[in-house]
Amino acid sequence: MPRTFTVSDSVVVAASPAVVYEQISRPALMGRWSPENLGATVRGEAGEARDTYVGMVFDGHNKRGPMRWTTRCTVTAADAGERFAFRVHAIGPRTPRLHGPIATWEYRLEAVDGGTRVTETWTDDRRSWPDAVANGFDRIATGGHTFADFQARNIHRTLSNLKRAVDGPAAAG
């Protein structure tokens, strides 16, 4: 079965693109919304930096069931109020030692009536993997799903959680 290499979803939140960007462009905060990510540690001197910039490297800390792992990521787009993206290029249980193209994550922001449309996109960068190998690995790693199906659900949950956090209790009632 051929793989789906890209999945995305969108949500409208009741905040300006600048406010949303301030949240999603800080990798350490992602654990507040993501069902898998627990946050991140920015590497090097940028660890104390407030602004995200292209080339910034961070380690994402993740958990799925009893499994935990760390990914090494590099910011590839940091356009304030418009776009934030990063590529995942290493993975490991505690230290990301296995290097290679893994995935790219992107968040696009668009001002709309009532706030900002946030579109989250996951792209499978494992292009050199044969489909059969990738599908087999994916089903083991996700409990029976392809990564595209698994990430589509994760994206939906992340965006729903982001909306609840940004819109606040007043919007929920």
Protein backbone atom coordinates (compact mmCIF):
# COMPACT_ATOMS: atom_id res chain seq x y z
CA MET A 1 0.00 0.00 0.00
CA PRO A 2 1.49 3.39 -0.97
CA ARG A 3 2.16 5.78 1.86
CA THR A 4 0.54 9.10 2.56
CA PHE A 5 3.46 11.47 3.10
CA THR A 6 1.60 14.57 4.33
CA VAL A 7 -1.39 15.16 6.59
CA SER A 8 -2.78 18.39 8.01
CA ASP A 9 -5.73 19.91 9.82
CA SER A 10 -6.85 23.41 10.78
CA VAL A 11 -8.67 25.18 13.59
CA VAL A 12 -9.70 28.79 14.18
CA VAL A 13 -8.64 30.23 17.53
CA ALA A 14 -9.84 33.49 19.07
CA ALA A 15 -6.49 35.30 19.09
CA SER A 16 -4.33 37.28 16.70
CA PRO A 17 -1.67 35.54 14.58
CA ALA A 18 1.00 37.28 16.69
CA VAL A 19 -0.39 35.83 19.94
CA VAL A 20 -0.70 32.33 18.45
CA TYR A 21 2.79 32.51 16.95
CA GLU A 22 4.23 33.44 20.33
CA GLN A 23 2.90 30.14 21.68
CA ILE A 24 3.57 27.68 18.86
CA SER A 25 7.05 28.99 18.03
CA ARG A 26 8.35 28.08 21.50
CA PRO A 27 9.15 24.35 21.38
CA ALA A 28 9.28 24.09 25.18
CA LEU A 29 5.55 24.92 25.30
CA MET A 30 4.38 22.27 22.81
CA GLY A 31 3.85 19.73 25.58
CA ARG A 32 0.87 21.80 26.74
CA TRP A 33 -1.12 20.75 23.65
CA SER A 34 0.43 17.70 22.04
CA PRO A 35 -0.73 14.21 23.01
CA GLU A 36 2.87 12.92 22.61
CA ASN A 37 5.30 15.78 23.06
CA LEU A 38 6.34 16.65 26.61
CA GLY A 39 8.16 19.84 25.67
CA ALA A 40 11.64 20.61 24.43
CA THR A 41 15.06 21.81 25.41
CA VAL A 42 16.69 24.42 23.19
CA ARG A 43 20.35 23.53 22.62
CA GLY A 44 23.40 25.74 22.86
CA GLU A 45 23.49 29.44 23.63
CA ALA A 46 19.97 29.81 22.22
CA GLY A 47 18.66 27.98 25.28
CA GLU A 48 17.99 31.31 26.94
CA ALA A 49 16.82 33.10 23.79
CA ARG A 50 13.24 34.35 23.72
CA ASP A 51 12.94 34.61 19.95
CA THR A 52 12.84 31.57 17.72
CA TYR A 53 15.00 31.77 14.62
CA VAL A 54 15.84 29.67 11.58
CA GLY A 55 18.65 27.27 12.45
CA MET A 56 17.79 27.00 16.15
CA VAL A 57 18.24 23.41 17.34
CA PHE A 58 16.14 21.79 20.05
CA ASP A 59 15.56 18.36 21.52
CA GLY A 60 11.92 17.31 21.70
CA HIS A 61 10.94 15.01 24.57
CA ASN A 62 8.19 12.56 23.67
CA LYS A 63 6.08 9.80 25.20
CA ARG A 64 3.67 7.25 23.74
CA GLY A 65 2.33 4.79 26.31
CA PRO A 66 5.33 3.47 28.25
CA MET A 67 7.80 4.46 25.51
CA ARG A 68 9.87 7.64 25.76
CA TRP A 69 12.24 9.09 23.19
CA THR A 70 14.06 12.27 22.26
CA THR A 71 14.25 13.87 18.83
CA ARG A 72 16.75 16.42 17.52
CA CYS A 73 15.03 19.16 15.53
CA THR A 74 16.10 22.25 13.60
CA VAL A 75 13.86 25.24 12.96
CA THR A 76 13.45 25.77 9.20
CA ALA A 77 10.95 28.67 9.20
CA ALA A 78 10.27 31.34 11.81
CA ASP A 79 8.12 34.00 10.19
CA ALA A 80 6.48 35.84 13.09
CA GLY A 81 2.70 35.72 12.91
CA GLU A 82 2.73 33.60 9.75
CA ARG A 83 4.69 30.36 9.83
CA PHE A 84 6.75 28.16 12.11
CA ALA A 85 8.36 24.93 10.92
CA PHE A 86 11.03 22.46 11.97
CA ARG A 87 12.51 19.23 10.71
CA VAL A 88 13.19 16.18 12.85
CA HIS A 89 16.54 14.69 11.90
CA ALA A 90 17.67 12.43 14.76
CA ILE A 91 16.02 10.18 17.33
CA GLY A 92 16.98 8.06 20.32
CA PRO A 93 15.72 6.84 23.68
CA ARG A 94 17.44 9.58 25.72
CA THR A 95 19.90 11.08 23.28
CA PRO A 96 19.10 11.40 19.59
CA ARG A 97 21.89 9.27 18.09
CA LEU A 98 20.16 7.78 15.03
CA HIS A 99 20.48 10.47 12.33
CA GLY A 100 18.50 10.83 9.14
CA PRO A 101 15.42 12.52 7.68
CA ILE A 102 12.40 11.67 9.85
CA ALA A 103 9.65 14.30 9.58
CA THR A 104 8.86 17.97 9.08
CA TRP A 105 6.26 19.84 11.14
CA GLU A 106 4.77 23.14 10.02
CA TYR A 107 2.29 25.61 11.51
CA ARG A 108 0.75 28.24 9.22
CA LEU A 109 -1.24 31.15 10.62
CA GLU A 110 -3.87 33.13 8.74
CA ALA A 111 -5.88 36.04 10.10
CA VAL A 112 -9.62 35.35 9.71
CA ASP A 113 -12.81 36.82 11.13
CA GLY A 114 -12.80 35.97 14.82
CA GLY A 115 -9.10 35.18 15.14
CA THR A 116 -6.51 33.01 13.44
CA ARG A 117 -6.74 29.86 11.37
CA VAL A 118 -3.92 27.57 12.53
CA THR A 119 -2.96 24.80 10.10
CA GLU A 120 -0.65 22.09 11.39
CA THR A 121 1.04 19.83 8.84
CA TRP A 122 3.15 16.71 9.30
CA THR A 123 5.31 15.45 6.43
CA ASP A 124 6.99 12.04 6.44
CA ASP A 125 10.59 12.65 5.39
CA ARG A 126 11.50 8.94 5.31
CA ARG A 127 11.38 8.97 1.49
CA SER A 128 14.17 6.42 1.09
CA TRP A 129 12.26 3.79 3.09
CA PRO A 130 10.38 1.29 0.93
CA ASP A 131 6.61 1.55 1.53
CA ALA A 132 6.34 -2.01 2.89
CA VAL A 133 9.13 -1.41 5.42
CA ALA A 134 7.72 1.95 6.51
CA ASN A 135 4.18 0.58 6.83
CA GLY A 136 5.41 -2.39 8.89
CA PHE A 137 7.48 -0.18 11.19
CA ASP A 138 4.64 2.32 11.53
CA ARG A 139 2.13 -0.33 12.58
CA ILE A 140 4.49 -1.61 15.28
CA ALA A 141 5.35 1.90 16.53
CA THR A 142 1.75 3.16 16.58
CA GLY A 143 -0.17 0.08 17.67
CA GLY A 144 -1.55 -0.87 14.26
CA HIS A 145 -1.78 2.38 12.29
CA THR A 146 0.23 4.09 9.59
CA PHE A 147 2.05 7.21 10.76
CA ALA A 148 -0.16 9.31 8.48
CA ASP A 149 -3.34 8.05 10.19
CA PHE A 150 -1.73 8.27 13.62
CA GLN A 151 -0.44 11.81 13.05
CA ALA A 152 -3.80 12.96 11.64
CA ARG A 153 -5.38 12.06 14.99
CA ASN A 154 -2.52 13.66 16.94
CA ILE A 155 -2.79 16.87 14.90
CA HIS A 156 -6.53 17.05 15.54
CA ARG A 157 -5.98 16.60 19.30
CA THR A 158 -3.12 19.12 19.37
CA LEU A 159 -5.18 21.77 17.58
CA SER A 160 -8.21 21.12 19.81
CA ASN A 161 -6.02 21.50 22.91
CA LEU A 162 -4.40 24.65 21.50
CA LYS A 163 -7.84 26.12 20.81
CA ARG A 164 -9.00 25.41 24.37
CA ALA A 165 -5.84 26.97 25.79
CA VAL A 166 -5.90 30.08 23.59
CA ASP A 167 -9.67 30.66 23.64
CA GLY A 168 -9.78 30.19 27.41
CA PRO A 169 -12.66 29.19 29.68
CA ALA A 170 -14.94 31.99 28.48
CA ALA A 171 -15.04 30.52 24.96
CA ALA A 172 -15.70 26.98 26.25
CA GLY A 173 -18.94 28.02 27.96
